[in-house]
Amino acid sequence: MEFKDYYKILGVKDDADAKTIKTAYRKLARQYHPDMNPDKGAEDKFKEAAEAYEVLKDDKRRAEFDELRKYGSQSGGFTPPPGWQGTNGSYEQGGDYSDFFNSMFGGSHGFSQARQRSVRGQDVEIEIPIFLEEILQSTVKTVEYQLQGAANKKHLKVTIPQGVADGERIRVKGQGGAGHGQGGAGDLYLHIRLVPHPLFDVQGHDLMLTLPLAPWEAALGTKVQLPTLQGSVNVTIAPNTSAGKKLRIKGKGLKSKAGAGQETGDLYAVVKIVIPASNDEKTTALWQQLASSTSFDPRVEWSK
């Protein structure tokens, strides 16, 4: 069995904090997502990063992995230390994970012969990446997974309802592992993982967008075309707009789930003043002219 060094896969140090690990995963997810990267091998890298994040985001599972990692450099294939047994057995072996993950963190340890005579099939849990644009309305997705002992992968079309949130779990009844005896089939659980968007951050059903403005645009006011998930909108920037000002564009956020009380979030554009990267002599002279013609002190509050 091949050892998987999840720290190396995500490109983080073994003492990385949760935020660093999450950031590294998001970067790889965006780089290798099959819908965004058609290159051969991209999907495998995407799945490998998802598996690494699944382990390192969970403190208990990460602690188990750190213990296993001490034995990861052994030659002739990896075997866990004597007597080792993971405690996070909530995943079906043979899912969309590597043999290493299934063996170390899978959940089918210790079944007795008596239980196998009549037992419900195991549940299967897989992660499904969803783009923000896809949760504006219900979306049909094809999921692919492999049940334990099956020769081929299973393909299933599932409806992802509008308004699902990151980390949400959707149950697809009876699509898990087959039961034994009188036991019924297990269920398939889909873990929703929102793919990070290059422009928008999600806060509940609201979206946050950084709005870069040149100093003269902030001072004099301007009109800008603002991107939204539903297309662009025109926004007027008032004169003397300060950095950090938050503009609300009502109804351009994410929708909640359909039904009674359905709501749509808002889009918030947060102003960021951007200074030109380099100035020529003429531009520098204009800045100097501005500096000498005004008594404005941005730090006047400090002297009170």
C-alpha atoms as a PDB file:
ATOM      1  CA  MET A   1       0.000   0.000   0.000  1.00  0.00           C
ATOM      2  CA  GLU A   2       1.339   3.410  -0.962  1.00  0.00           C
ATOM      3  CA  PHE A   3       1.640   5.979   1.816  1.00  0.00           C
ATOM      4  CA  LYS A   4      -0.034   9.341   1.132  1.00  0.00           C
ATOM      5  CA  ASP A   5       1.714  12.359   2.627  1.00  0.00           C
ATOM      6  CA  TYR A   6      -1.214  14.751   2.805  1.00  0.00           C
ATOM      7  CA  TYR A   7       0.975  17.684   3.856  1.00  0.00           C
ATOM      8  CA  LYS A   8       3.095  17.336   0.711  1.00  0.00           C
ATOM      9  CA  ILE A   9      -0.003  16.911  -1.448  1.00  0.00           C
ATOM     10  CA  LEU A  10      -1.395  20.246  -0.220  1.00  0.00           C
ATOM     11  CA  GLY A  11       2.073  21.822  -0.171  1.00  0.00           C
ATOM     12  CA  VAL A  12       1.900  22.919   3.487  1.00  0.00           C
ATOM     13  CA  LYS A  13       4.154  22.404   6.495  1.00  0.00           C
ATOM     14  CA  ASP A  14       3.176  19.828   9.103  1.00  0.00           C
ATOM     15  CA  ASP A  15       2.463  22.594  11.635  1.00  0.00           C
ATOM     16  CA  ALA A  16       0.240  24.573   9.273  1.00  0.00           C
ATOM     17  CA  ASP A  17      -2.881  26.018  10.868  1.00  0.00           C
ATOM     18  CA  ALA A  18      -6.413  25.308   9.679  1.00  0.00           C
ATOM     19  CA  LYS A  19      -6.627  28.502   7.621  1.00  0.00           C
ATOM     20  CA  THR A  20      -3.407  27.724   5.744  1.00  0.00           C
ATOM     21  CA  ILE A  21      -4.597  24.203   5.003  1.00  0.00           C
ATOM     22  CA  LYS A  22      -7.953  25.468   3.759  1.00  0.00           C
ATOM     23  CA  THR A  23      -6.297  28.094   1.558  1.00  0.00           C
ATOM     24  CA  ALA A  24      -3.940  25.518   0.043  1.00  0.00           C
ATOM     25  CA  TYR A  25      -6.844  23.177  -0.692  1.00  0.00           C
ATOM     26  CA  ARG A  26      -8.897  25.929  -2.314  1.00  0.00           C
ATOM     27  CA  LYS A  27      -5.973  26.862  -4.549  1.00  0.00           C
ATOM     28  CA  LEU A  28      -5.507  23.273  -5.743  1.00  0.00           C
ATOM     29  CA  ALA A  29      -9.269  22.727  -6.097  1.00  0.00           C
ATOM     30  CA  ARG A  30      -9.502  25.732  -8.360  1.00  0.00           C
ATOM     31  CA  GLN A  31      -6.416  24.662 -10.338  1.00  0.00           C
ATOM     32  CA  TYR A  32      -7.377  21.041 -10.935  1.00  0.00           C
ATOM     33  CA  HIS A  33     -11.192  20.993 -10.885  1.00  0.00           C
ATOM     34  CA  PRO A  34     -12.288  18.833 -13.867  1.00  0.00           C
ATOM     35  CA  ASP A  35     -14.738  21.493 -15.028  1.00  0.00           C
ATOM     36  CA  MET A  36     -11.943  24.061 -15.163  1.00  0.00           C
ATOM     37  CA  ASN A  37      -8.912  21.991 -16.134  1.00  0.00           C
ATOM     38  CA  PRO A  38      -9.293  19.444 -18.975  1.00  0.00           C
ATOM     39  CA  ASP A  39      -5.645  18.317 -18.749  1.00  0.00           C
ATOM     40  CA  LYS A  40      -4.962  14.612 -18.326  1.00  0.00           C
ATOM     41  CA  GLY A  41      -4.372  13.836 -14.678  1.00  0.00           C
ATOM     42  CA  ALA A  42      -6.044  17.012 -13.387  1.00  0.00           C
ATOM     43  CA  GLU A  43      -9.020  15.083 -11.989  1.00  0.00           C
ATOM     44  CA  ASP A  44      -6.698  12.707 -10.099  1.00  0.00           C
ATOM     45  CA  LYS A  45      -4.883  15.663  -8.555  1.00  0.00           C
ATOM     46  CA  PHE A  46      -8.220  17.232  -7.643  1.00  0.00           C
ATOM     47  CA  LYS A  47      -9.350  14.045  -5.879  1.00  0.00           C
ATOM     48  CA  GLU A  48      -5.981  13.678  -4.167  1.00  0.00           C
ATOM     49  CA  ALA A  49      -6.199  17.232  -2.802  1.00  0.00           C
ATOM     50  CA  ALA A  50      -9.789  16.641  -1.636  1.00  0.00           C
ATOM     51  CA  GLU A  51      -8.699  13.477   0.189  1.00  0.00           C
ATOM     52  CA  ALA A  52      -5.815  15.298   1.868  1.00  0.00           C
ATOM     53  CA  TYR A  53      -8.117  18.101   2.980  1.00  0.00           C
ATOM     54  CA  GLU A  54     -10.670  15.595   4.279  1.00  0.00           C
ATOM     55  CA  VAL A  55      -8.041  14.263   6.672  1.00  0.00           C
ATOM     56  CA  LEU A  56      -6.186  17.430   7.674  1.00  0.00           C
ATOM     57  CA  LYS A  57      -9.289  19.574   8.289  1.00  0.00           C
ATOM     58  CA  ASP A  58     -10.420  17.229  11.065  1.00  0.00           C
ATOM     59  CA  ASP A  59      -8.346  17.570  14.255  1.00  0.00           C
ATOM     60  CA  LYS A  60      -8.866  13.980  15.401  1.00  0.00           C
ATOM     61  CA  ARG A  61      -8.210  12.474  11.984  1.00  0.00           C
ATOM     62  CA  ARG A  62      -5.188  14.756  11.524  1.00  0.00           C
ATOM     63  CA  ALA A  63      -3.742  13.554  14.828  1.00  0.00           C
ATOM     64  CA  GLU A  64      -4.123   9.965  13.652  1.00  0.00           C
ATOM     65  CA  PHE A  65      -2.415  10.802  10.373  1.00  0.00           C
ATOM     66  CA  ASP A  66       0.472  12.506  12.191  1.00  0.00           C
ATOM     67  CA  GLU A  67       1.003   9.265  14.103  1.00  0.00           C
ATOM     68  CA  LEU A  68       0.914   7.215  10.906  1.00  0.00           C
ATOM     69  CA  ARG A  69       3.288   9.627   9.182  1.00  0.00           C
ATOM     70  CA  LYS A  70       6.108   8.501  11.451  1.00  0.00           C
ATOM     71  CA  TYR A  71       5.987   5.188   9.618  1.00  0.00           C
ATOM     72  CA  GLY A  72       5.471   6.680   6.154  1.00  0.00           C
ATOM     73  CA  SER A  73       9.106   6.487   5.060  1.00  0.00           C
ATOM     74  CA  GLN A  74       9.451   2.719   5.427  1.00  0.00           C
ATOM     75  CA  SER A  75      10.545   0.826   2.330  1.00  0.00           C
ATOM     76  CA  GLY A  76       8.645  -1.991   0.656  1.00  0.00           C
ATOM     77  CA  GLY A  77       5.219  -0.429   0.982  1.00  0.00           C
ATOM     78  CA  PHE A  78       3.458   1.128   3.919  1.00  0.00           C
ATOM     79  CA  THR A  79       1.963  -0.845   6.813  1.00  0.00           C
ATOM     80  CA  PRO A  80       0.478   0.803   9.934  1.00  0.00           C
ATOM     81  CA  PRO A  81       2.149   0.306  13.319  1.00  0.00           C
ATOM     82  CA  PRO A  82       1.184  -2.837  15.253  1.00  0.00           C
ATOM     83  CA  GLY A  83      -2.174  -2.555  16.952  1.00  0.00           C
ATOM     84  CA  TRP A  84      -3.085   0.661  15.157  1.00  0.00           C
ATOM     85  CA  GLN A  85      -6.754   1.275  14.456  1.00  0.00           C
ATOM     86  CA  GLY A  86      -8.318   4.546  13.361  1.00  0.00           C
ATOM     87  CA  THR A  87     -11.232   6.023  15.282  1.00  0.00           C
ATOM     88  CA  ASN A  88     -12.924   7.963  12.491  1.00  0.00           C
ATOM     89  CA  GLY A  89     -14.515   5.117  10.566  1.00  0.00           C
ATOM     90  CA  SER A  90     -17.358   7.040   8.931  1.00  0.00           C
ATOM     91  CA  TYR A  91     -16.432   6.417   5.309  1.00  0.00           C
ATOM     92  CA  GLU A  92     -17.234   3.481   3.099  1.00  0.00           C
ATOM     93  CA  GLN A  93     -14.209   1.608   1.806  1.00  0.00           C
ATOM     94  CA  GLY A  94     -13.862   1.697  -1.956  1.00  0.00           C
ATOM     95  CA  GLY A  95     -15.424   5.157  -2.303  1.00  0.00           C
ATOM     96  CA  ASP A  96     -13.669   7.913  -4.176  1.00  0.00           C
ATOM     97  CA  TYR A  97     -10.594   7.683  -1.983  1.00  0.00           C
ATOM     98  CA  SER A  98      -7.222   5.922  -2.216  1.00  0.00           C
ATOM     99  CA  ASP A  99      -6.474   2.515  -0.740  1.00  0.00           C
ATOM    100  CA  PHE A 100      -4.433   4.289   1.939  1.00  0.00           C
ATOM    101  CA  PHE A 101      -7.402   6.422   3.030  1.00  0.00           C
ATOM    102  CA  ASN A 102      -9.839   3.512   2.938  1.00  0.00           C
ATOM    103  CA  SER A 103      -7.511   1.301   4.965  1.00  0.00           C
ATOM    104  CA  MET A 104      -6.534   3.896   7.559  1.00  0.00           C
ATOM    105  CA  PHE A 105      -9.722   5.937   7.867  1.00  0.00           C
ATOM    106  CA  GLY A 106     -12.430   3.700   6.390  1.00  0.00           C
ATOM    107  CA  GLY A 107     -15.177   2.274   8.506  1.00  0.00           C
ATOM    108  CA  SER A 108     -15.598  -1.446   7.958  1.00  0.00           C
ATOM    109  CA  HIS A 109     -13.431  -2.814  10.760  1.00  0.00           C
ATOM    110  CA  GLY A 110     -14.492  -5.663  12.934  1.00  0.00           C
ATOM    111  CA  PHE A 111     -17.614  -7.133  11.326  1.00  0.00           C
ATOM    112  CA  SER A 112     -18.505 -10.471  12.808  1.00  0.00           C
ATOM    113  CA  GLN A 113     -19.841 -13.357  10.768  1.00  0.00           C
ATOM    114  CA  ALA A 114     -23.137 -13.165  12.657  1.00  0.00           C
ATOM    115  CA  ARG A 115     -23.660  -9.513  11.721  1.00  0.00           C
ATOM    116  CA  GLN A 116     -22.824 -10.210   8.084  1.00  0.00           C
ATOM    117  CA  ARG A 117     -25.723 -12.653   7.848  1.00  0.00           C
ATOM    118  CA  SER A 118     -28.254  -9.841   8.139  1.00  0.00           C
ATOM    119  CA  VAL A 119     -26.992  -6.310   8.170  1.00  0.00           C
ATOM    120  CA  ARG A 120     -27.886  -3.090   6.415  1.00  0.00           C
ATOM    121  CA  GLY A 121     -25.519  -1.994   3.667  1.00  0.00           C
ATOM    122  CA  GLN A 122     -22.972   0.629   4.519  1.00  0.00           C
ATOM    123  CA  ASP A 123     -23.519   4.266   3.728  1.00  0.00           C
ATOM    124  CA  VAL A 124     -21.266   5.884   1.162  1.00  0.00           C
ATOM    125  CA  GLU A 125     -20.023   9.422   1.612  1.00  0.00           C
ATOM    126  CA  ILE A 126     -18.455  11.357  -1.235  1.00  0.00           C
ATOM    127  CA  GLU A 127     -17.559  14.973  -1.746  1.00  0.00           C
ATOM    128  CA  ILE A 128     -19.133  16.822  -4.640  1.00  0.00           C
ATOM    129  CA  PRO A 129     -17.734  20.174  -5.835  1.00  0.00           C
ATOM    130  CA  ILE A 130     -20.328  22.791  -6.763  1.00  0.00           C
ATOM    131  CA  PHE A 131     -19.781  26.182  -8.395  1.00  0.00           C
ATOM    132  CA  LEU A 132     -21.585  29.199  -6.961  1.00  0.00           C
ATOM    133  CA  GLU A 133     -23.380  29.709 -10.272  1.00  0.00           C
ATOM    134  CA  GLU A 134     -24.858  26.213  -9.931  1.00  0.00           C
ATOM    135  CA  ILE A 135     -26.691  26.901  -6.667  1.00  0.00           C
ATOM    136  CA  LEU A 136     -28.678  29.837  -8.045  1.00  0.00           C
ATOM    137  CA  GLN A 137     -31.173  27.189  -9.142  1.00  0.00           C
ATOM    138  CA  SER A 138     -31.586  23.426  -8.859  1.00  0.00           C
ATOM    139  CA  THR A 139     -28.935  21.567 -10.856  1.00  0.00           C
ATOM    140  CA  VAL A 140     -28.711  17.964 -12.057  1.00  0.00           C
ATOM    141  CA  LYS A 141     -25.220  16.517 -11.576  1.00  0.00           C
ATOM    142  CA  THR A 142     -23.788  13.114 -12.423  1.00  0.00           C
ATOM    143  CA  VAL A 143     -21.828  11.607  -9.555  1.00  0.00           C
ATOM    144  CA  GLU A 144     -19.394   8.730  -9.941  1.00  0.00           C
ATOM    145  CA  TYR A 145     -18.389   6.379  -7.152  1.00  0.00           C
ATOM    146  CA  GLN A 146     -17.414   2.779  -6.608  1.00  0.00           C
ATOM    147  CA  LEU A 147     -19.014   0.466  -4.111  1.00  0.00           C
ATOM    148  CA  GLN A 148     -16.932  -2.024  -2.196  1.00  0.00           C
ATOM    149  CA  GLY A 149     -16.510  -5.211  -4.188  1.00  0.00           C
ATOM    150  CA  ALA A 150     -18.040  -3.753  -7.369  1.00  0.00           C
ATOM    151  CA  ALA A 151     -16.134  -4.232 -10.606  1.00  0.00           C
ATOM    152  CA  ASN A 152     -17.202  -0.930 -12.125  1.00  0.00           C
ATOM    153  CA  LYS A 153     -17.929   2.545 -10.928  1.00  0.00           C
ATOM    154  CA  LYS A 154     -21.517   3.589 -10.439  1.00  0.00           C
ATOM    155  CA  HIS A 155     -22.922   6.647 -12.210  1.00  0.00           C
ATOM    156  CA  LEU A 156     -25.941   8.382 -10.764  1.00  0.00           C
ATOM    157  CA  LYS A 157     -27.783  11.572 -11.669  1.00  0.00           C
ATOM    158  CA  VAL A 158     -28.770  13.592  -8.608  1.00  0.00           C
ATOM    159  CA  THR A 159     -30.543  16.890  -8.217  1.00  0.00           C
ATOM    160  CA  ILE A 160     -28.666  19.479  -6.214  1.00  0.00           C
ATOM    161  CA  PRO A 161     -31.276  21.904  -4.837  1.00  0.00           C
ATOM    162  CA  GLN A 162     -30.779  25.639  -5.091  1.00  0.00           C
ATOM    163  CA  GLY A 163     -29.370  27.335  -2.048  1.00  0.00           C
ATOM    164  CA  VAL A 164     -27.261  24.469  -0.713  1.00  0.00           C
ATOM    165  CA  ALA A 165     -24.418  25.575   1.539  1.00  0.00           C
ATOM    166  CA  ASP A 166     -20.791  24.546   1.825  1.00  0.00           C
ATOM    167  CA  GLY A 167     -20.476  21.462   4.035  1.00  0.00           C
ATOM    168  CA  GLU A 168     -24.139  20.509   3.663  1.00  0.00           C
ATOM    169  CA  ARG A 169     -24.936  16.809   3.427  1.00  0.00           C
ATOM    170  CA  ILE A 170     -27.516  15.479   0.955  1.00  0.00           C
ATOM    171  CA  ARG A 171     -28.905  11.991   1.410  1.00  0.00           C
ATOM    172  CA  VAL A 172     -29.713   9.793  -1.609  1.00  0.00           C
ATOM    173  CA  LYS A 173     -31.636   6.899  -0.142  1.00  0.00           C
ATOM    174  CA  GLY A 174     -30.735   3.313  -1.036  1.00  0.00           C
ATOM    175  CA  GLN A 175     -27.733   4.109  -3.247  1.00  0.00           C
ATOM    176  CA  GLY A 176     -25.079   2.928  -0.820  1.00  0.00           C
ATOM    177  CA  GLY A 177     -23.630  -0.522  -0.306  1.00  0.00           C
ATOM    178  CA  ALA A 178     -25.814  -3.614  -0.667  1.00  0.00           C
ATOM    179  CA  GLY A 179     -27.124  -5.165   2.538  1.00  0.00           C
ATOM    180  CA  HIS A 180     -26.696  -8.753   3.713  1.00  0.00           C
ATOM    181  CA  GLY A 181     -29.618 -11.054   4.447  1.00  0.00           C
ATOM    182  CA  GLN A 182     -32.659  -9.006   5.426  1.00  0.00           C
ATOM    183  CA  GLY A 183     -30.686  -5.792   5.620  1.00  0.00           C
ATOM    184  CA  GLY A 184     -31.515  -3.079   3.109  1.00  0.00           C
ATOM    185  CA  ALA A 185     -29.073  -1.059   1.039  1.00  0.00           C
ATOM    186  CA  GLY A 186     -27.191   1.795   2.615  1.00  0.00           C
ATOM    187  CA  ASP A 187     -27.544   5.394   1.549  1.00  0.00           C
ATOM    188  CA  LEU A 188     -25.359   7.725  -0.470  1.00  0.00           C
ATOM    189  CA  TYR A 189     -24.436  10.984   1.231  1.00  0.00           C
ATOM    190  CA  LEU A 190     -23.151  13.880  -0.836  1.00  0.00           C
ATOM    191  CA  HIS A 191     -20.971  16.406   0.962  1.00  0.00           C
ATOM    192  CA  ILE A 192     -21.409  19.757  -0.751  1.00  0.00           C
ATOM    193  CA  ARG A 193     -18.114  21.555  -1.260  1.00  0.00           C
ATOM    194  CA  LEU A 194     -18.462  24.995  -2.835  1.00  0.00           C
ATOM    195  CA  VAL A 195     -15.603  25.652  -5.245  1.00  0.00           C
ATOM    196  CA  PRO A 196     -13.906  28.929  -4.279  1.00  0.00           C
ATOM    197  CA  HIS A 197     -14.846  31.714  -6.678  1.00  0.00           C
ATOM    198  CA  PRO A 198     -12.079  33.989  -8.003  1.00  0.00           C
ATOM    199  CA  LEU A 199     -14.131  37.138  -7.271  1.00  0.00           C
ATOM    200  CA  PHE A 200     -16.754  36.422  -4.641  1.00  0.00           C
ATOM    201  CA  ASP A 201     -16.536  35.303  -1.014  1.00  0.00           C
ATOM    202  CA  VAL A 202     -19.613  33.758   0.578  1.00  0.00           C
ATOM    203  CA  GLN A 203     -21.098  34.951   3.875  1.00  0.00           C
ATOM    204  CA  GLY A 204     -24.324  33.087   4.436  1.00  0.00           C
ATOM    205  CA  HIS A 205     -26.434  33.999   1.425  1.00  0.00           C
ATOM    206  CA  ASP A 206     -24.571  37.270   0.857  1.00  0.00           C
ATOM    207  CA  LEU A 207     -21.617  37.688  -1.477  1.00  0.00           C
ATOM    208  CA  MET A 208     -18.606  39.918  -0.832  1.00  0.00           C
ATOM    209  CA  LEU A 209     -16.656  41.532  -3.675  1.00  0.00           C
ATOM    210  CA  THR A 210     -13.595  43.787  -3.528  1.00  0.00           C
ATOM    211  CA  LEU A 211     -14.113  46.916  -5.654  1.00  0.00           C
ATOM    212  CA  PRO A 212     -10.758  48.456  -6.659  1.00  0.00           C
ATOM    213  CA  LEU A 213     -10.867  52.198  -7.353  1.00  0.00           C
ATOM    214  CA  ALA A 214      -8.160  54.575  -8.533  1.00  0.00           C
ATOM    215  CA  PRO A 215      -7.618  57.521  -6.134  1.00  0.00           C
ATOM    216  CA  TRP A 216      -9.164  59.958  -8.603  1.00  0.00           C
ATOM    217  CA  GLU A 217     -12.188  57.706  -9.086  1.00  0.00           C
ATOM    218  CA  ALA A 218     -12.757  57.659  -5.343  1.00  0.00           C
ATOM    219  CA  ALA A 219     -12.251  61.438  -5.075  1.00  0.00           C
ATOM    220  CA  LEU A 220     -14.273  62.569  -8.061  1.00  0.00           C
ATOM    221  CA  GLY A 221     -16.830  59.775  -8.294  1.00  0.00           C
ATOM    222  CA  THR A 222     -17.375  57.533 -11.285  1.00  0.00           C
ATOM    223  CA  LYS A 223     -19.547  54.832 -12.787  1.00  0.00           C
ATOM    224  CA  VAL A 224     -18.337  51.222 -12.799  1.00  0.00           C
ATOM    225  CA  GLN A 225     -19.662  48.002 -14.241  1.00  0.00           C
ATOM    226  CA  LEU A 226     -19.842  45.553 -11.354  1.00  0.00           C
ATOM    227  CA  PRO A 227     -19.741  41.769 -11.951  1.00  0.00           C
ATOM    228  CA  THR A 228     -22.411  39.609 -10.319  1.00  0.00           C
ATOM    229  CA  LEU A 229     -23.215  35.918 -10.674  1.00  0.00           C
ATOM    230  CA  GLN A 230     -26.183  36.898 -12.839  1.00  0.00           C
ATOM    231  CA  GLY A 231     -24.321  39.342 -15.109  1.00  0.00           C
ATOM    232  CA  SER A 232     -22.933  42.826 -14.662  1.00  0.00           C
ATOM    233  CA  VAL A 233     -24.731  45.863 -13.192  1.00  0.00           C
ATOM    234  CA  ASN A 234     -23.883  49.554 -13.416  1.00  0.00           C
ATOM    235  CA  VAL A 235     -23.086  51.286 -10.125  1.00  0.00           C
ATOM    236  CA  THR A 236     -22.487  54.961  -9.444  1.00  0.00           C
ATOM    237  CA  ILE A 237     -19.640  55.764  -7.093  1.00  0.00           C
ATOM    238  CA  ALA A 238     -20.243  58.991  -5.181  1.00  0.00           C
ATOM    239  CA  PRO A 239     -17.454  61.602  -4.909  1.00  0.00           C
ATOM    240  CA  ASN A 240     -15.218  61.374  -1.808  1.00  0.00           C
ATOM    241  CA  THR A 241     -15.774  57.650  -1.372  1.00  0.00           C
ATOM    242  CA  SER A 242     -13.403  56.222   1.252  1.00  0.00           C
ATOM    243  CA  ALA A 243     -11.608  52.880   1.301  1.00  0.00           C
ATOM    244  CA  GLY A 244     -13.626  50.253   3.150  1.00  0.00           C
ATOM    245  CA  LYS A 245     -17.003  51.727   2.188  1.00  0.00           C
ATOM    246  CA  LYS A 246     -19.456  48.925   1.583  1.00  0.00           C
ATOM    247  CA  LEU A 247     -21.930  49.216  -1.301  1.00  0.00           C
ATOM    248  CA  ARG A 248     -25.006  47.003  -1.174  1.00  0.00           C
ATOM    249  CA  ILE A 249     -26.476  45.615  -4.403  1.00  0.00           C
ATOM    250  CA  LYS A 250     -29.762  44.165  -3.273  1.00  0.00           C
ATOM    251  CA  GLY A 251     -30.856  40.732  -4.457  1.00  0.00           C
ATOM    252  CA  LYS A 252     -27.606  39.798  -6.228  1.00  0.00           C
ATOM    253  CA  GLY A 253     -26.454  37.261  -3.656  1.00  0.00           C
ATOM    254  CA  LEU A 254     -27.312  33.587  -3.299  1.00  0.00           C
ATOM    255  CA  LYS A 255     -30.811  32.192  -3.038  1.00  0.00           C
ATOM    256  CA  SER A 256     -31.975  30.237  -0.043  1.00  0.00           C
ATOM    257  CA  LYS A 257     -33.738  26.943  -0.559  1.00  0.00           C
ATOM    258  CA  ALA A 258     -37.025  26.979  -2.431  1.00  0.00           C
ATOM    259  CA  GLY A 259     -40.231  27.050  -0.407  1.00  0.00           C
ATOM    260  CA  ALA A 260     -41.829  29.214   2.226  1.00  0.00           C
ATOM    261  CA  GLY A 261     -39.638  32.056   3.404  1.00  0.00           C
ATOM    262  CA  GLN A 262     -37.345  31.852   0.405  1.00  0.00           C
ATOM    263  CA  GLU A 263     -34.916  34.744   0.400  1.00  0.00           C
ATOM    264  CA  THR A 264     -32.176  36.054  -1.819  1.00  0.00           C
ATOM    265  CA  GLY A 265     -29.006  37.469  -0.343  1.00  0.00           C
ATOM    266  CA  ASP A 266     -27.279  40.672  -1.364  1.00  0.00           C
ATOM    267  CA  LEU A 267     -23.966  41.489  -2.987  1.00  0.00           C
ATOM    268  CA  TYR A 268     -21.643  43.788  -1.043  1.00  0.00           C
ATOM    269  CA  ALA A 269     -18.857  45.590  -2.882  1.00  0.00           C
ATOM    270  CA  VAL A 270     -16.120  46.805  -0.529  1.00  0.00           C
ATOM    271  CA  VAL A 271     -14.084  49.733  -1.849  1.00  0.00           C
ATOM    272  CA  LYS A 272     -10.312  49.375  -2.052  1.00  0.00           C
ATOM    273  CA  ILE A 273      -8.204  52.344  -3.143  1.00  0.00           C
ATOM    274  CA  VAL A 274      -5.469  51.181  -5.511  1.00  0.00           C
ATOM    275  CA  ILE A 275      -2.377  53.295  -6.173  1.00  0.00           C
ATOM    276  CA  PRO A 276      -0.748  52.931  -9.625  1.00  0.00           C
ATOM    277  CA  ALA A 277       2.162  50.508  -9.484  1.00  0.00           C
ATOM    278  CA  SER A 278       4.624  52.967 -10.987  1.00  0.00           C
ATOM    279  CA  ASN A 279       4.493  56.685 -11.680  1.00  0.00           C
ATOM    280  CA  ASP A 280       6.174  58.582 -14.465  1.00  0.00           C
ATOM    281  CA  GLU A 281       7.538  62.066 -13.894  1.00  0.00           C
ATOM    282  CA  LYS A 282       4.362  63.758 -15.030  1.00  0.00           C
ATOM    283  CA  THR A 283       2.212  61.702 -12.686  1.00  0.00           C
ATOM    284  CA  THR A 284       4.602  62.269  -9.789  1.00  0.00           C
ATOM    285  CA  ALA A 285       4.469  66.005 -10.426  1.00  0.00           C
ATOM    286  CA  LEU A 286       0.682  65.922 -10.295  1.00  0.00           C
ATOM    287  CA  TRP A 287       0.767  64.052  -6.975  1.00  0.00           C
ATOM    288  CA  GLN A 288       3.223  66.658  -5.615  1.00  0.00           C
ATOM    289  CA  GLN A 289       0.968  69.451  -6.841  1.00  0.00           C
ATOM    290  CA  LEU A 290      -1.967  67.869  -5.077  1.00  0.00           C
ATOM    291  CA  ALA A 291       0.016  67.415  -1.856  1.00  0.00           C
ATOM    292  CA  SER A 292       1.102  71.052  -1.785  1.00  0.00           C
ATOM    293  CA  SER A 293      -2.339  72.465  -2.522  1.00  0.00           C
ATOM    294  CA  THR A 294      -4.308  70.800   0.252  1.00  0.00           C
ATOM    295  CA  SER A 295      -4.194  70.887   4.040  1.00  0.00           C
ATOM    296  CA  PHE A 296      -5.835  67.503   4.324  1.00  0.00           C
ATOM    297  CA  ASP A 297      -4.383  65.385   7.157  1.00  0.00           C
ATOM    298  CA  PRO A 298      -5.554  61.749   7.139  1.00  0.00           C
ATOM    299  CA  ARG A 299      -4.165  61.320  10.683  1.00  0.00           C
ATOM    300  CA  VAL A 300      -5.787  64.335  12.280  1.00  0.00           C
ATOM    301  CA  GLU A 301      -7.624  62.088  14.763  1.00  0.00           C
ATOM    302  CA  TRP A 302      -4.282  61.103  16.299  1.00  0.00           C
ATOM    303  CA  SER A 303      -3.608  64.638  17.512  1.00  0.00           C
ATOM    304  CA  LYS A 304      -6.870  64.950  19.471  1.00  0.00           C
END
